[in-house]
Protein backbone atom coordinates (compact mmCIF):
# COMPACT_ATOMS: atom_id res chain seq x y z
CA MET A 1 -0.16 -0.30 -0.41
CA PRO A 2 1.73 3.62 -0.91
CA ARG A 3 2.99 5.22 2.41
CA VAL A 4 0.72 8.32 0.53
CA LEU A 5 -2.30 7.05 0.85
CA TRP A 6 -2.27 7.12 4.74
CA LEU A 7 -2.56 11.43 5.00
CA PRO A 8 -5.99 11.46 3.06
CA ALA A 9 -6.68 8.45 4.36
CA MET A 10 -6.43 9.16 8.77
CA VAL A 11 -7.99 12.91 7.24
CA ALA A 12 -10.87 11.38 6.14
CA LEU A 13 -10.83 9.15 9.48
CA ALA A 14 -10.67 12.50 11.73
CA LEU A 15 -13.75 14.28 9.34
CA VAL A 16 -15.77 11.03 11.63
CA VAL A 17 -14.23 10.00 14.81
CA LEU A 18 -13.62 13.68 15.88
CA PRO A 19 -17.20 14.61 15.96
CA VAL A 20 -18.27 12.14 17.71
CA ALA A 21 -15.85 12.74 20.23
CA GLY A 22 -16.88 16.49 20.95
CA LEU A 23 -20.22 14.47 21.54
CA VAL A 24 -18.56 12.75 24.03
CA ALA A 25 -17.14 15.35 25.45
CA ARG A 26 -20.34 17.23 26.00
CA ILE A 27 -21.64 14.43 27.81
CA ASP A 28 -23.09 15.30 31.94
CA LEU A 29 -21.88 12.43 33.07
CA ALA A 30 -23.88 12.91 36.78
CA ARG A 31 -27.36 13.01 34.68
CA LEU A 32 -26.91 10.23 31.51
CA PRO A 33 -28.48 7.43 33.82
CA ALA A 34 -30.97 9.60 34.39
CA LEU A 35 -31.59 11.10 31.15
CA LEU A 36 -31.46 7.18 29.26
CA GLY A 37 -33.94 6.21 31.61
CA SER A 38 -36.66 8.83 31.60
CA PRO A 39 -39.37 7.75 29.52
CA ALA A 40 -38.83 9.23 26.77
CA SER A 41 -35.95 8.07 25.85
CA LEU A 42 -36.97 4.80 26.73
CA ASN A 43 -40.18 5.96 24.24
CA ALA A 44 -37.99 6.71 21.41
CA LEU A 45 -35.40 4.35 21.25
CA ARG A 46 -37.99 1.71 21.55
CA LEU A 47 -40.18 2.98 18.05
CA SER A 48 -37.28 3.67 16.30
CA LEU A 49 -35.82 -0.58 16.48
CA VAL A 50 -39.55 -1.58 16.28
CA THR A 51 -40.29 0.60 12.98
CA ALA A 52 -36.30 0.41 11.41
CA THR A 53 -37.14 -3.38 11.99
CA VAL A 54 -40.32 -3.60 10.29
CA ALA A 55 -38.60 -1.54 7.55
CA THR A 56 -36.10 -2.68 6.63
CA LEU A 57 -38.62 -6.14 6.21
CA LEU A 58 -40.55 -4.01 3.83
CA CYS A 59 -36.79 -2.89 1.68
CA VAL A 60 -35.86 -7.15 1.95
CA VAL A 61 -39.14 -7.52 0.50
CA PHE A 62 -39.83 -5.18 -1.80
CA GLY A 63 -36.11 -5.02 -2.65
CA VAL A 64 -35.46 -7.86 -3.89
CA PRO A 65 -38.11 -8.44 -6.86
CA LEU A 66 -36.78 -4.65 -7.56
CA ALA A 67 -33.28 -5.23 -7.94
CA VAL A 68 -33.64 -8.73 -9.74
CA VAL A 69 -35.42 -6.82 -12.81
CA LEU A 70 -33.57 -3.65 -13.14
CA ALA A 71 -30.59 -6.49 -13.13
CA ARG A 72 -31.77 -8.79 -15.35
CA SER A 73 -33.74 -6.70 -17.56
CA ASN A 74 -32.70 -5.79 -20.90
CA ALA A 75 -35.71 -2.73 -20.81
CA ARG A 76 -34.78 0.46 -21.50
CA VAL A 77 -37.26 2.29 -19.66
CA VAL A 78 -35.20 0.09 -17.05
CA ARG A 79 -32.44 3.30 -16.74
CA LEU A 80 -35.32 5.51 -16.26
CA LEU A 81 -36.48 3.44 -13.25
CA ARG A 82 -33.03 2.92 -11.62
CA ALA A 83 -32.40 6.22 -11.40
CA VAL A 84 -36.00 7.01 -9.97
CA VAL A 85 -35.80 4.21 -7.41
CA LEU A 86 -31.93 5.82 -6.48
CA LEU A 87 -33.85 9.14 -5.84
CA PRO A 88 -34.12 9.14 -2.40
CA LEU A 89 -30.27 9.00 -2.38
CA VAL A 90 -30.00 12.33 -4.04
CA LEU A 91 -33.02 13.86 -2.65
CA PRO A 92 -33.19 16.26 0.64
CA PRO A 93 -35.13 14.47 3.28
CA VAL A 94 -37.79 17.33 3.81
CA VAL A 95 -38.97 16.39 0.02
CA GLY A 96 -38.91 13.08 0.29
CA GLY A 97 -41.51 13.75 3.27
CA LEU A 98 -42.67 15.91 1.82
CA ALA A 99 -43.48 14.28 -1.13
CA LEU A 100 -45.24 11.38 0.57
CA LEU A 101 -47.55 14.04 2.29
CA PHE A 102 -48.94 15.49 -1.16
CA LEU A 103 -49.52 11.71 -2.27
CA LEU A 104 -50.90 10.23 1.57
CA GLY A 105 -52.20 12.96 3.38
CA ARG A 106 -55.00 13.98 3.24
CA ASN A 107 -55.25 15.75 0.45
CA GLY A 108 -53.07 14.24 -1.56
CA PHE A 109 -54.94 12.07 -4.17
CA LEU A 110 -53.65 8.37 -2.81
CA GLY A 111 -54.05 9.87 0.83
CA TYR A 112 -57.81 11.68 -0.14
CA LEU A 113 -59.27 8.01 -1.60
CA LEU A 114 -57.85 5.84 1.51
CA ASP A 115 -59.61 8.57 3.92
CA VAL A 116 -63.10 8.55 1.03
CA VAL A 117 -63.15 4.73 0.77
CA ALA A 118 -61.60 3.54 4.33
CA GLY A 119 -61.25 5.73 6.69
CA VAL A 120 -57.69 5.36 6.91
CA ARG A 121 -55.08 8.88 7.35
CA VAL A 122 -51.72 7.09 7.51
CA PRO A 123 -49.64 10.64 8.29
CA PHE A 124 -48.98 11.85 11.91
CA THR A 125 -49.09 7.95 13.04
CA THR A 126 -46.66 5.02 13.16
CA ALA A 127 -47.04 3.62 9.97
CA ALA A 128 -46.11 6.58 8.48
CA VAL A 129 -42.41 6.86 10.18
CA VAL A 130 -42.49 2.98 8.39
CA ILE A 131 -43.14 4.34 5.49
CA ALA A 132 -40.81 6.98 5.09
CA GLN A 133 -38.31 5.80 6.74
CA THR A 134 -38.30 2.60 3.50
CA PHE A 135 -38.70 5.31 0.85
CA VAL A 136 -34.99 6.30 1.85
CA ALA A 137 -33.53 3.31 2.40
CA LEU A 138 -34.73 1.38 -0.14
CA PRO A 139 -32.05 2.08 -2.62
CA PHE A 140 -29.64 1.13 0.01
CA LEU A 141 -31.00 -2.02 -0.28
CA VAL A 142 -31.27 -1.82 -3.73
CA VAL A 143 -27.89 -0.86 -4.59
CA SER A 144 -26.42 -3.66 -3.01
CA LEU A 145 -28.40 -6.49 -4.24
CA GLU A 146 -27.81 -4.87 -8.12
CA GLY A 147 -24.43 -4.62 -8.24
CA ALA A 148 -23.98 -7.79 -6.34
CA LEU A 149 -26.06 -9.63 -9.46
CA ARG A 150 -24.50 -7.42 -11.94
CA ALA A 151 -20.89 -8.52 -10.76
CA SER A 152 -21.90 -12.71 -10.07
CA GLY A 153 -23.35 -12.51 -13.67
CA ASP A 154 -25.87 -15.14 -15.37
CA ARG A 155 -24.07 -17.93 -16.04
CA TYR A 156 -25.64 -20.22 -13.19
CA GLU A 157 -29.18 -18.76 -14.20
CA ARG A 158 -28.97 -20.19 -17.95
CA VAL A 159 -27.05 -23.17 -17.14
CA ALA A 160 -29.69 -23.92 -14.80
CA ALA A 161 -32.68 -22.57 -17.56
CA THR A 162 -30.57 -25.04 -19.64
CA LEU A 163 -31.53 -27.81 -17.88
CA GLY A 164 -35.21 -27.47 -17.61
CA ALA A 165 -35.43 -25.46 -14.39
CA ARG A 166 -38.48 -23.02 -14.45
CA PRO A 167 -37.80 -19.33 -13.63
CA TRP A 168 -39.70 -19.66 -10.54
CA THR A 169 -37.09 -22.66 -9.69
CA VAL A 170 -33.35 -20.57 -11.05
CA PHE A 171 -34.88 -18.02 -8.97
CA ARG A 172 -35.37 -19.51 -5.59
CA ARG A 173 -32.58 -22.11 -6.16
CA VAL A 174 -29.42 -19.95 -8.37
CA THR A 175 -30.62 -16.05 -7.78
CA VAL A 176 -31.16 -16.36 -4.27
CA PRO A 177 -28.08 -17.78 -3.06
CA LEU A 178 -26.62 -15.97 -4.94
CA LEU A 179 -27.99 -13.01 -3.35
CA LEU A 180 -27.71 -14.54 0.20
CA PRO A 181 -23.97 -12.81 1.66
CA SER A 182 -24.77 -9.22 -0.67
CA LEU A 183 -28.45 -9.19 1.26
CA GLY A 184 -26.69 -9.15 4.66
CA SER A 185 -24.77 -6.07 3.90
CA GLY A 186 -27.48 -4.29 2.23
CA ALA A 187 -30.52 -5.51 4.69
CA VAL A 188 -27.78 -4.07 7.39
CA LEU A 189 -27.36 -0.82 5.46
CA SER A 190 -30.67 0.30 5.25
CA PHE A 191 -32.02 -0.85 8.85
CA ALA A 192 -28.85 1.28 10.06
CA ARG A 193 -30.22 4.03 7.57
CA ALA A 194 -33.98 3.43 8.42
CA LEU A 195 -32.99 4.06 12.22
CA GLY A 196 -31.29 7.52 11.24
CA GLU A 197 -34.24 8.71 9.25
CA PHE A 198 -35.14 12.43 10.85
CA GLY A 199 -36.29 14.90 7.60
CA ALA A 200 -39.15 12.41 5.65
CA THR A 201 -40.21 11.06 9.38
CA ILE A 202 -40.46 14.57 11.37
CA THR A 203 -42.31 16.40 8.11
CA PHE A 204 -44.37 13.05 7.22
CA ALA A 205 -45.47 11.93 10.90
CA GLY A 206 -44.33 14.23 13.22
CA SER A 207 -43.26 14.40 16.65
CA LEU A 208 -45.45 12.50 18.80
CA GLU A 209 -43.97 10.71 21.91
CA GLY A 210 -44.62 7.36 22.00
CA ILE A 211 -46.32 7.38 18.10
CA THR A 212 -43.82 9.24 15.73
CA ARG A 213 -41.46 10.28 17.73
CA THR A 214 -38.21 8.24 16.51
CA LEU A 215 -34.48 8.43 18.12
CA PRO A 216 -33.48 11.13 15.80
CA VAL A 217 -36.63 13.31 16.10
CA ALA A 218 -35.99 13.19 19.69
CA VAL A 219 -32.80 14.43 19.88
CA TYR A 220 -34.22 17.69 17.59
CA HIS A 221 -36.97 17.74 20.26
CA GLU A 222 -34.52 17.71 23.35
CA ALA A 223 -32.26 20.46 21.59
CA GLN A 224 -35.05 23.04 21.16
CA SER A 225 -34.66 23.12 25.67
CA ASP A 226 -32.54 20.36 27.11
CA VAL A 227 -29.48 20.35 25.06
CA ASP A 228 -27.78 17.73 27.85
CA SER A 229 -30.80 15.38 26.61
CA ALA A 230 -30.20 15.69 23.66
CA VAL A 231 -26.46 15.27 23.64
CA ALA A 232 -27.13 11.44 25.63
CA LEU A 233 -30.28 11.06 23.11
CA SER A 234 -27.47 11.06 20.28
CA LEU A 235 -25.32 9.04 22.18
CA LEU A 236 -27.40 5.93 22.26
CA LEU A 237 -28.61 6.60 18.79
CA VAL A 238 -24.62 6.43 17.56
CA VAL A 239 -23.85 3.72 20.17
CA VAL A 240 -26.95 1.45 18.79
CA ALA A 241 -25.78 2.53 15.65
CA VAL A 242 -22.77 1.43 15.91
CA VAL A 243 -23.79 -2.07 17.44
CA VAL A 244 -25.92 -2.91 14.42
CA ILE A 245 -23.11 -2.57 11.64
CA ALA A 246 -20.18 -4.46 14.02
CA VAL A 247 -22.32 -7.10 15.07
CA ALA A 248 -24.81 -7.50 12.55
CA ARG A 249 -23.09 -6.54 9.43
CA PRO A 250 -21.83 -9.72 7.18
CA LYS A 251 -17.90 -10.40 7.17
CA ALA A 252 -18.68 -10.06 3.22
CA LEU A 253 -18.78 -7.02 3.83
CA GLU A 254 -15.79 -6.65 5.28
CA GLY A 255 -13.71 -8.60 2.85
CA THR A 256 -12.43 -11.55 5.53
CA ARG A 257 -13.72 -14.95 4.73
CA SER A 258 -14.27 -17.14 7.47
């Protein structure tokens, strides 16, 4: 490895580590147990873990078929579809929240139908949190899986097809096993992104304690009145995210072999 890479690498590492170190240095250790053990903090943590888990499951259920379609289809419209799928990666989260609100809100065309036909109102509910998290996290899973499928090629699937396997059998017995390492890493990235989602959530779901106030939203809420509480919640969010990535991330993402 060229030694010249060490300097920019250390600068990049400092850009990530030093802000977190500043956060740790600001913690009020005397109040930390009380702040983290408060009902509001525990409710925010529970809601974040539950909604992020549900959002990740939705990403897997819908993201796997979408990634396969994008990777294996030769249709010209796929380029446009890929750009649309990646849109949440580049859109400001607040814009995504507004888009969801204007789609599923009471004045949105789909939200109006849900309200009139079924009497269902999505905004400012826990379901809205899950939808917002899924919206921003789905591209992470799709990108991971599509890249893995393109890198592996389709030779195994073609061989299985020539041997008489039906498309569903090929998908279940060949494609899915090829996806498993990337599926694990993509699901972890999606969970981490859903866990840290703020902009779309507060715009589309609001900040109702126990209902829509996730950890990131709780940090914003507490920062208006109690900085020490906001710092404690921020540290909790950092710790949870680090644990999720370090423990759940498969070895394939780290580039190691068992």
